[in-house]
């Protein structure tokens, strides 16, 4: 199926119509944030599910009930997806936990006024591309790649869901008031998950002792997350997400793009990246 059949265009980016209805987008536009809300922000396939496992465990002080009772999409819901409006989010106690794939330019008026805390997760775009390529191939609500090269062009030019990785990351890095934003990368979390958990807990103003931090880190390593049916998307019907084609939680590693991209594709990617990011001063963990 084509983009016209599966996607709607919202604020200049493609969104899968199956997950993002007009009613759900209106709900997000009118949503009332609180200053102590914690919003995980990612470009798709950048460590979203991982953070949806870590952050609730920090808030609960390591109590595993937080990830054993609710599926990922209900424990830390996407505000722009259709389920948000039926979860009674207004009644949830503070600090509420949310996630969004929105660009900064897409954030609603209440967010800009209240300025809740944001955890912005970044990942090497080559690995984002690789993960996306497999993900698009196993879902029924996204346009399947015809070839890898064709999908690469779509990815680099922002012709996929949630638009350009480059626009997304530059928009969030260029926020004037960064006091309430924590920037962290997938690569940092892979390198030292315990340290990442400790830093996130500090940002959330949720002091934890070293034993609890270790417990959370142990629970959130990839092989353990992959076993959690409330996190590995095995509850999603096969008609929407066919994990016989590719697992949702696939490898959880850094640098898998080297197994995916051809030499020519990697060089093409590098040239595109250098041009798009030439004025960005941020030091990325993958550089």
Protein backbone atom coordinates (compact mmCIF):
# COMPACT_ATOMS: atom_id res chain seq x y z
CA UNK A 1 0.00 0.00 0.00
CA UNK A 2 1.09 3.60 -0.62
CA UNK A 3 1.72 6.62 1.58
CA UNK A 4 -1.59 8.11 0.43
CA UNK A 5 -3.42 4.98 1.59
CA UNK A 6 -1.69 4.47 4.96
CA UNK A 7 -0.55 7.91 6.11
CA UNK A 8 -2.02 11.29 6.89
CA UNK A 9 0.04 14.48 6.81
CA UNK A 10 0.08 16.40 10.08
CA UNK A 11 2.15 19.56 10.50
CA UNK A 12 4.21 18.57 7.48
CA UNK A 13 5.08 14.98 8.47
CA UNK A 14 3.64 11.57 7.70
CA UNK A 15 1.76 9.80 10.49
CA UNK A 16 0.26 6.31 10.17
CA UNK A 17 -3.51 6.88 10.11
CA UNK A 18 -4.16 3.60 11.93
CA UNK A 19 -2.40 4.83 15.06
CA UNK A 20 -2.95 8.59 14.79
CA UNK A 21 -6.55 9.52 14.18
CA UNK A 22 -7.81 13.06 13.82
CA UNK A 23 -9.45 12.70 17.23
CA UNK A 24 -6.21 11.57 18.89
CA UNK A 25 -4.24 14.44 17.36
CA UNK A 26 -6.87 16.90 18.55
CA UNK A 27 -6.68 15.35 22.03
CA UNK A 28 -2.93 15.99 22.14
CA UNK A 29 -3.32 19.55 20.87
CA UNK A 30 -5.65 20.30 23.79
CA UNK A 31 -3.82 18.23 26.42
CA UNK A 32 -3.01 19.98 29.72
CA UNK A 33 0.52 19.27 30.89
CA UNK A 34 1.76 19.62 34.46
CA UNK A 35 5.15 21.04 35.28
CA UNK A 36 6.23 17.77 36.94
CA UNK A 37 5.23 15.57 34.02
CA UNK A 38 8.10 13.58 32.51
CA UNK A 39 7.99 13.32 28.73
CA UNK A 40 10.24 10.87 26.89
CA UNK A 41 10.91 12.23 23.41
CA UNK A 42 12.45 10.14 20.65
CA UNK A 43 12.61 9.83 16.92
CA UNK A 44 11.17 6.34 16.20
CA UNK A 45 13.56 3.41 16.73
CA UNK A 46 15.93 5.36 18.96
CA UNK A 47 15.43 3.52 22.25
CA UNK A 48 11.83 4.43 23.05
CA UNK A 49 10.77 1.05 24.43
CA UNK A 50 13.96 0.84 26.48
CA UNK A 51 13.21 4.16 28.12
CA UNK A 52 9.59 3.10 28.70
CA UNK A 53 11.02 0.27 30.79
CA UNK A 54 13.60 2.30 32.71
CA UNK A 55 11.65 5.41 33.66
CA UNK A 56 8.68 3.66 35.36
CA UNK A 57 11.12 1.57 37.40
CA UNK A 58 12.91 4.71 38.55
CA UNK A 59 9.62 6.31 39.53
CA UNK A 60 8.58 3.17 41.45
CA UNK A 61 11.91 2.94 43.24
CA UNK A 62 12.69 -0.38 41.61
CA UNK A 63 9.32 -2.02 42.24
CA UNK A 64 8.90 -4.35 39.26
CA UNK A 65 5.11 -4.11 39.46
CA UNK A 66 5.51 -1.01 37.31
CA UNK A 67 6.44 -3.15 34.30
CA UNK A 68 4.59 -6.35 35.19
CA UNK A 69 1.03 -5.01 35.20
CA UNK A 70 0.70 -2.77 32.14
CA UNK A 71 1.93 -3.06 28.56
CA UNK A 72 4.43 -0.49 27.36
CA UNK A 73 1.84 1.58 25.50
CA UNK A 74 -0.35 1.99 28.61
CA UNK A 75 2.33 2.40 31.29
CA UNK A 76 4.02 5.24 29.36
CA UNK A 77 1.50 6.18 26.67
CA UNK A 78 2.12 8.03 23.43
CA UNK A 79 0.14 11.23 23.71
CA UNK A 80 -0.42 11.44 19.97
CA UNK A 81 -1.74 7.89 19.56
CA UNK A 82 -5.36 6.84 19.68
CA UNK A 83 -5.20 5.07 23.08
CA UNK A 84 -4.23 8.22 24.98
CA UNK A 85 -7.76 9.59 25.02
CA UNK A 86 -9.21 6.49 26.72
CA UNK A 87 -6.62 6.11 29.50
CA UNK A 88 -7.92 8.88 31.80
CA UNK A 89 -4.50 10.49 31.84
CA UNK A 90 -5.91 13.55 33.58
CA UNK A 91 -6.55 11.38 36.65
CA UNK A 92 -3.09 9.84 36.89
CA UNK A 93 -1.04 10.93 39.92
CA UNK A 94 2.09 13.00 39.49
CA UNK A 95 4.65 12.60 38.18
CA UNK A 96 2.91 11.33 35.05
CA UNK A 97 4.99 9.59 32.41
CA UNK A 98 4.42 10.12 28.69
CA UNK A 99 6.22 9.56 25.43
CA UNK A 100 6.05 11.30 22.07
CA UNK A 101 7.75 11.17 18.70
CA UNK A 102 6.80 14.79 17.96
CA UNK A 103 9.27 17.32 16.62
CA UNK A 104 9.72 20.30 18.94
CA UNK A 105 7.87 22.43 16.40
CA UNK A 106 4.87 20.13 16.75
CA UNK A 107 4.50 20.39 20.53
CA UNK A 108 1.15 21.78 21.73
CA UNK A 109 0.56 25.11 23.52
CA UNK A 110 0.32 23.64 27.03
CA UNK A 111 3.73 21.98 26.71
CA UNK A 112 5.38 25.23 25.64
CA UNK A 113 3.73 27.10 28.51
CA UNK A 114 4.27 24.63 31.35
CA UNK A 115 7.66 23.23 30.26
CA UNK A 116 7.55 19.74 31.79
CA UNK A 117 10.70 17.69 32.10
CA UNK A 118 11.90 16.04 28.89
CA UNK A 119 14.23 13.08 28.41
CA UNK A 120 15.40 13.28 24.80
CA UNK A 121 16.93 10.06 23.52
CA UNK A 122 19.20 10.07 20.46
CA UNK A 123 20.70 7.25 18.40
CA UNK A 124 23.13 6.93 15.51
CA UNK A 125 20.88 7.54 12.48
CA UNK A 126 22.45 4.65 10.59
CA UNK A 127 21.24 2.29 13.32
CA UNK A 128 17.88 4.10 13.36
CA UNK A 129 17.63 3.44 9.63
CA UNK A 130 18.56 -0.22 10.08
CA UNK A 131 16.01 -0.79 12.84
CA UNK A 132 13.37 1.11 10.86
CA UNK A 133 13.99 -0.96 7.73
CA UNK A 134 13.17 -4.18 9.57
CA UNK A 135 10.28 -2.63 11.48
CA UNK A 136 8.58 -1.30 8.37
CA UNK A 137 8.82 -4.74 6.82
CA UNK A 138 6.87 -6.46 9.61
CA UNK A 139 3.97 -4.03 10.11
CA UNK A 140 0.72 -3.72 8.22
CA UNK A 141 0.17 -0.01 8.93
CA UNK A 142 3.42 1.31 7.42
CA UNK A 143 4.52 1.43 3.79
CA UNK A 144 6.77 -1.57 3.23
CA UNK A 145 10.18 -0.86 1.69
CA UNK A 146 10.39 -2.01 -1.91
CA UNK A 147 14.20 -2.03 -1.80
CA UNK A 148 16.75 -1.00 0.78
CA UNK A 149 18.10 1.75 -1.46
CA UNK A 150 14.63 3.18 -2.01
CA UNK A 151 13.93 3.15 1.71
CA UNK A 152 17.28 4.82 2.39
CA UNK A 153 16.31 7.72 0.13
CA UNK A 154 12.96 8.02 1.89
CA UNK A 155 14.66 7.94 5.30
CA UNK A 156 17.26 10.57 4.46
CA UNK A 157 14.66 12.88 2.91
CA UNK A 158 12.10 12.49 5.69
CA UNK A 159 9.50 10.70 3.57
CA UNK A 160 8.65 8.23 6.35
CA UNK A 161 6.58 8.46 9.51
CA UNK A 162 7.51 11.41 11.70
CA UNK A 163 9.53 12.97 8.94
CA UNK A 164 13.22 13.80 8.93
CA UNK A 165 15.57 12.47 11.61
CA UNK A 166 17.74 15.52 10.93
CA UNK A 167 14.91 18.00 11.49
CA UNK A 168 13.77 16.14 14.59
CA UNK A 169 17.13 16.08 16.32
CA UNK A 170 18.13 19.62 15.33
CA UNK A 171 14.79 20.99 16.50
CA UNK A 172 15.15 19.50 19.97
CA UNK A 173 18.84 20.41 20.26
CA UNK A 174 18.06 24.03 19.34
CA UNK A 175 15.53 24.63 22.10
CA UNK A 176 16.43 27.93 23.75
CA UNK A 177 15.50 26.92 27.30
CA UNK A 178 17.21 23.59 27.97
CA UNK A 179 16.92 23.66 31.77
CA UNK A 180 14.20 20.99 31.80
CA UNK A 181 15.69 18.79 29.08
CA UNK A 182 18.03 15.84 29.56
CA UNK A 183 19.86 14.65 26.45
CA UNK A 184 21.03 11.06 26.44
CA UNK A 185 21.98 8.61 23.70
CA UNK A 186 21.29 4.98 23.03
CA UNK A 187 25.03 4.48 22.76
CA UNK A 188 25.63 5.87 26.26
CA UNK A 189 23.02 3.50 27.64
CA UNK A 190 24.64 0.54 25.90
CA UNK A 191 28.08 1.57 27.17
CA UNK A 192 27.09 1.95 30.85
CA UNK A 193 23.44 1.32 31.67
CA UNK A 194 23.93 1.65 35.42
CA UNK A 195 25.40 5.12 34.98
CA UNK A 196 22.56 6.06 32.62
CA UNK A 197 19.95 4.92 35.15
CA UNK A 198 21.64 6.94 37.88
CA UNK A 199 21.72 10.07 35.71
CA UNK A 200 18.09 9.69 34.68
CA UNK A 201 17.06 9.19 38.31
CA UNK A 202 18.91 12.36 39.29
CA UNK A 203 17.18 14.28 36.51
CA UNK A 204 13.81 12.95 37.70
CA UNK A 205 14.67 14.07 41.24
CA UNK A 206 14.18 10.50 42.40
CA UNK A 207 17.18 9.59 44.56
CA UNK A 208 17.99 5.87 44.49
CA UNK A 209 20.67 3.90 46.28
CA UNK A 210 23.24 1.89 44.37
CA UNK A 211 21.44 -1.41 44.97
CA UNK A 212 18.20 -0.15 43.41
CA UNK A 213 20.07 1.40 40.50
CA UNK A 214 21.79 -1.94 39.89
CA UNK A 215 18.45 -3.78 40.13
CA UNK A 216 16.89 -1.50 37.52
CA UNK A 217 19.89 -1.78 35.22
CA UNK A 218 19.83 -5.57 35.49
CA UNK A 219 16.11 -5.70 34.72
CA UNK A 220 16.50 -3.43 31.71
CA UNK A 221 19.29 -5.19 29.87
CA UNK A 222 18.11 -6.25 26.43
CA UNK A 223 17.76 -10.00 27.04
CA UNK A 224 15.54 -9.41 30.07
CA UNK A 225 13.37 -6.82 28.35
CA UNK A 226 12.96 -9.20 25.43
CA UNK A 227 11.44 -11.79 27.80
CA UNK A 228 8.82 -9.36 29.13
CA UNK A 229 5.66 -9.93 27.10
CA UNK A 230 4.38 -6.54 28.26
CA UNK A 231 7.38 -4.90 26.62
CA UNK A 232 8.29 -7.05 23.61
CA UNK A 233 5.05 -6.33 21.69
CA UNK A 234 4.16 -10.03 21.50
CA UNK A 235 0.65 -9.02 22.63
CA UNK A 236 0.10 -7.16 19.36
CA UNK A 237 -1.90 -9.31 16.92
CA UNK A 238 0.10 -10.73 14.04
CA UNK A 239 -2.17 -9.00 11.51
CA UNK A 240 -0.69 -5.67 12.64
CA UNK A 241 2.85 -6.68 13.58
CA UNK A 242 4.22 -9.94 12.21
CA UNK A 243 7.16 -10.86 14.42
CA UNK A 244 7.85 -13.98 12.37
CA UNK A 245 9.33 -11.57 9.81
CA UNK A 246 11.34 -9.54 12.31
CA UNK A 247 11.19 -9.31 16.09
CA UNK A 248 10.15 -5.94 17.49
CA UNK A 249 13.03 -6.10 19.98
CA UNK A 250 15.51 -7.37 17.43
CA UNK A 251 19.17 -7.07 18.49
CA UNK A 252 19.59 -4.13 20.86
CA UNK A 253 23.16 -3.40 19.80
CA UNK A 254 25.27 -0.53 18.50
CA UNK A 255 26.63 -0.58 14.98
CA UNK A 256 24.29 -3.08 13.32
CA UNK A 257 24.18 -0.71 10.34
CA UNK A 258 27.52 -2.23 9.32
CA UNK A 259 25.68 -5.49 8.67
CA UNK A 260 22.93 -3.71 6.73
CA UNK A 261 24.28 -0.90 4.56
CA UNK A 262 26.47 -1.51 1.53
CA UNK A 263 29.72 0.43 1.30
CA UNK A 264 28.17 2.72 -1.30
CA UNK A 265 25.05 3.28 0.81
CA UNK A 266 27.15 4.06 3.90
CA UNK A 267 29.22 6.60 1.95
CA UNK A 268 26.05 8.19 0.54
CA UNK A 269 24.63 8.35 4.08
CA UNK A 270 27.82 9.98 5.40
CA UNK A 271 27.78 12.70 2.75
CA UNK A 272 24.13 13.44 3.41
CA UNK A 273 24.77 13.52 7.18
CA UNK A 274 27.75 15.85 6.88
CA UNK A 275 25.75 18.34 4.83
CA UNK A 276 22.68 18.28 7.06
CA UNK A 277 24.59 18.44 10.36
CA UNK A 278 27.45 20.77 9.39
CA UNK A 279 26.25 23.59 11.68
CA UNK A 280 25.41 21.38 14.67
CA UNK A 281 27.89 21.78 17.52
CA UNK A 282 26.63 18.98 19.77
CA UNK A 283 29.10 16.16 20.41
CA UNK A 284 27.27 12.91 19.62
CA UNK A 285 28.23 9.61 21.22
CA UNK A 286 28.54 7.94 17.79
CA UNK A 287 30.95 10.50 16.32
